[in-house]
Structures are given as C-alpha cells and as structure tokens.
C-alpha cells in the first residue's frame, strides 16, 4: 500500500539576497527581499525607521561629522554656505561662505577643509576662511647681491613668497631672486618688523635707509609675484590624504581642464601641509579621466574607467644630494577600473570599486606591487547588469558603515548592502541618499535639502510604515521533478517579537498569490514559534514559493526560523494514509 509522503523545507540560518537563486530547496538564500537585514545570528530583522533630523534652505552639497578641538560637529554645505547642526534646535547654524558646488570635506591638523571646484576653505571650529596658502621660503643664506641656496618652490595657492638674507653689516641694497615683482608685504630684521625701506618692483632691489647689522639669515623679505595659476588647485573636486611610509600629502583630482592630472601637496618647511602645492607637483595618469584614488597600506591605487594604476612614496636624491619624496605611477590592471567618481572606499584594508562586471575588491597577491581585482557582487548581478546597461553612474555611491560592518552600494533609492562580517547581501528600499556620514554610531545621510538618520529604535519611517518582505526560492512541494496536487501546507515561523505577517504562497503554475493569508504572532517577550495550516488547493504543482511581508505602523519583525511542510495528494489520500 502506498503511503502519503510529507515534504518539508526549513531555514534556521538566513543567508540574505541572491538574485540568481530562483529555484532551490535551500531556503537560506532569497531571490527577492527588501528592508530586512541579516543579524549577527543570521535572523531576518526589519530595518529601522528613517528620520529627518535637519532641513536646509537649499540642496546639500557636502556632509561631514567628526571632532575639532575635542568638540563634535555635524557640518554641511548648502547654498554656498557652511553650516553646523545644532542638536538642541534641530537646525543648521550658518558659519560662513565657502562657495557653490559639490564639496569634498576632510579633516587635517584639527581643521576641516572644503574643496568644491570653486573655492578652497577651512573651518577651525570657530570660523571659516579661504585658504590663502603657505608662503614658501624660496631662498636662504642669500648675500645682499641675491646669491643664495634654493630651499622651497613657489606655491600655486598664493603669489607670496619669502627670501632670507645674511646681512654683511655694510650693504644697504638687497636684491631679490625675482624681478618684476608686485608688492613687498613685510621686511623683518633679526625677527623684528622693519619699515624704513623702499623697493623697485622692476629690478627687485630693496633699499634699507638704515644699514642692517651683520648676521646669518637675519633678514626676511616677503613679496608677491603674480605668475602662477591658483585655479589649478581650487578647481579640483576630489581629495584624499596619503603618505606612504613617510609624511602625509594631500592628493587632488577632478580638474575639468586637467582630468587625468593628479596634484599633490608638499612639506611646508619640513612639516606636512595641505596648503602648499608647488607648480610641478603633479602627475599625468594615462590619457583618460581619473575617477578615483584610494589608499591601501603604503600604496595608492589610481583608477580610470577601465584601467588601474598604483603609486607609492619613493625617496629620491637630486643633483645637489638632497633627498625628496616622489610618487611614481605604475600600471596595475589594463582591463578593470572604476566607474564611480570620488566615492570608492576600503573594507578590511581592501579597496572596493565598481567595474562593468560589478563590485570588486582589490586584494594583495604574492607578487610584489600587484593586485587582484575580485568581483564579489554575484548575488546582486541582476541589479548590477541593469545599472551598467543604463550607462548612468552619476548617483552611484559607496560607503563603508564600519559600525555595522556594512558596505553600502547605493543607486536610485535602493541601498544594496554587503555585510562583510557575515558575507551576505540585503537590500534597503525607499532610502534616498547622496552624502553619508556616521554620527554617534548611527548612519546619517543627506538627500536634496534634508539630512536623515537610520534609527534602529524606530519601526516606521517618518512619512509612513516600513514594509519589509522576504521571498523564498521555489521549493519542492512533492517528489523532485514530479507534479502533485497539494492538499495541505503548514508554515511555521519563529519570531523574537510580536508581529503581523502577510503570507502569500506562489506556485510554479500560478506564480502570483495562489494563496494569501495574514499570520499574527502575539509575543510580548522572548521567542515565539507559530504554525499556520493552509489548504490552498494547489493542483499539479512541483514547487511553491513563500512570500512573507511585514507592514503596518508600530510593528516590528525579527524572524529566526521558517519551515514549510507540504502534504501532496496520494493514491490513498482519501483514506488518510
């Protein structure tokens, strides 16, 4: 006598999103899920609510959070002005004008610098000012006739420069290294201001009416010569700090007239500075536009759309025997690059870029100075293919939310999240983002005129309930490969909180909502498992799909177990066998 066989599929450890997993008896992977995150225990937890924390008067062009002088600041740029967020009034307090344009913001030496393609500014915790630039000391140990030792190069950011003379106690005329100057700003003798002088802008001769006393480098003259282009620096749109094995430099790129140029700062009198850019401190990278530059240990990875290069700091020696830092560039990969401008990041010390095949981690190899680009976004390959086909990468963003070990890959209202601690993917919908930052361990982001935070203590978004759903693959409802009439299905769901779930069962014959029912689990505390028995009358099916949906205000959901049991109709089913 034939016996009635019961088939069961169980998942006690959720593996997140995998868009290719359409049919499988392993329910750990979901081909379609949204607004559920995978917890450290591999359960499904509905994402927190999105809350607006501030509204600006104009679109936000930059966002930064961190400490300046021991004081925490949340800063943003809007309408050409820099604002600081006041947590008491829940509004922005204007600080000063920094000009218009999408801004790169970074901290250096206790100040926040703002670069937006029009102006280079800094905020010291009290006020915002335009960066005038370090005034270089171009010659030292100069004789009154002008002969001396070259020390520093002129700075693109400022026409000012300094020169130090060793007075002989006799001469009244001192000759500058350059002619046709614009202005003398000051003169000091033995460190004290000196004003009893005249100068000739054409010849560069400074005449002292009182003979300076003899000394070594005891006269300093600061003057201007307008022969450099400041906009070669201020028109750049992206910035990153990198030092290799030695001193920190600021690297800039994104100049509209020099798209394949990388500019870098220099030491200012031996001290790292982001306000000193000699004229020749640049490198031409290939013949196409630089999209991003990322650091990895003591190396720097430089990307164009379809190529990758690497650089590092080398100490070299000039003809005078002086050592200087050089940053040579070498080819790394001639096939893969990066399609997102200025938004790549590093997870676990591995740079991440977006290429035509998806997201890649640039991993070290055993061969010196080489990297391997390893694609890890296969579970969201369907989404990646759609983005690449659109050929529009302007709103793509990458952000490393280290507090949650989450790499956020954002596009068009969808945040595809890779939890690199667990090695799983999931998706947050209805989350519109432009700039990201972290405030007190919480993810904050801006979009349009508003700044938001993802508040895990809330179950609803500010403008409505969060709808989270999870779909299983099509799992077997009978003998493998054979179609059966299903007489009864039992669904067991385990949750850690009270929740209400909409349950839909889809079959391979009726792919959408062959059966729908609301599933309520009442649970004040602890863990609750509830079973829902159904008689959906699915005829001649071999596979079914579970579709769980958590919605409604003030409802939470954390699912840790799902079991689907099916009883196909057999030859003796009418006898209950």
Foldseek 3Di string as FASTA:
>chain_A
DDDFDKDKAKDQAAFFFFLVQFADSHQNYFNDWAQWDQDPSRWTWGFFAKEFQEFFPFFWQDWDWDDAPNDTWTWTDGPQFIWTADNVVSYTDTAGGFGDARWDWDDDPRWIWIAGQAFIWIGNPHHIDGQQFDAAAQFFAAEQAADGHGDDFGFLSHQKHKYFYFAPQPDFKRAHPDAQFDFWDFKFFQRHTDDQWDADRGRRIIGHPDRHGGGGSRMMIMTGHPDHHSSVPRRFHAWDWADQPDAIKIWTARRPVQQQKIFIAAAGVNHYDHRGGHPPRMDGHPDAGWQDWDDFHQKIWTFDQFFIKIWGWDWDADPVRDTDIDIDIGGAGRGWGADHHRAWDDAPRWTWGQHLQGIWTWADDPDPPYTDTHHLPNSVRVVSNVVSVVVDRHQWHWDQLPLQCWIWTDDDQKTWIQNVVSRHIYIYGNHDFRDWDADPSWIWGGDIRTIITRDRVHQQYPVFGGKIKGKGHWHFQDPPPWWFFWFKKKKKWKWFAWFKKWKAKAFPVRGPRLDIDIDTDHDHGGMDMDMDMDGSRHGGTTTMMIMIMTIDGPGITIISMMMMMITTDDPCVVVVD
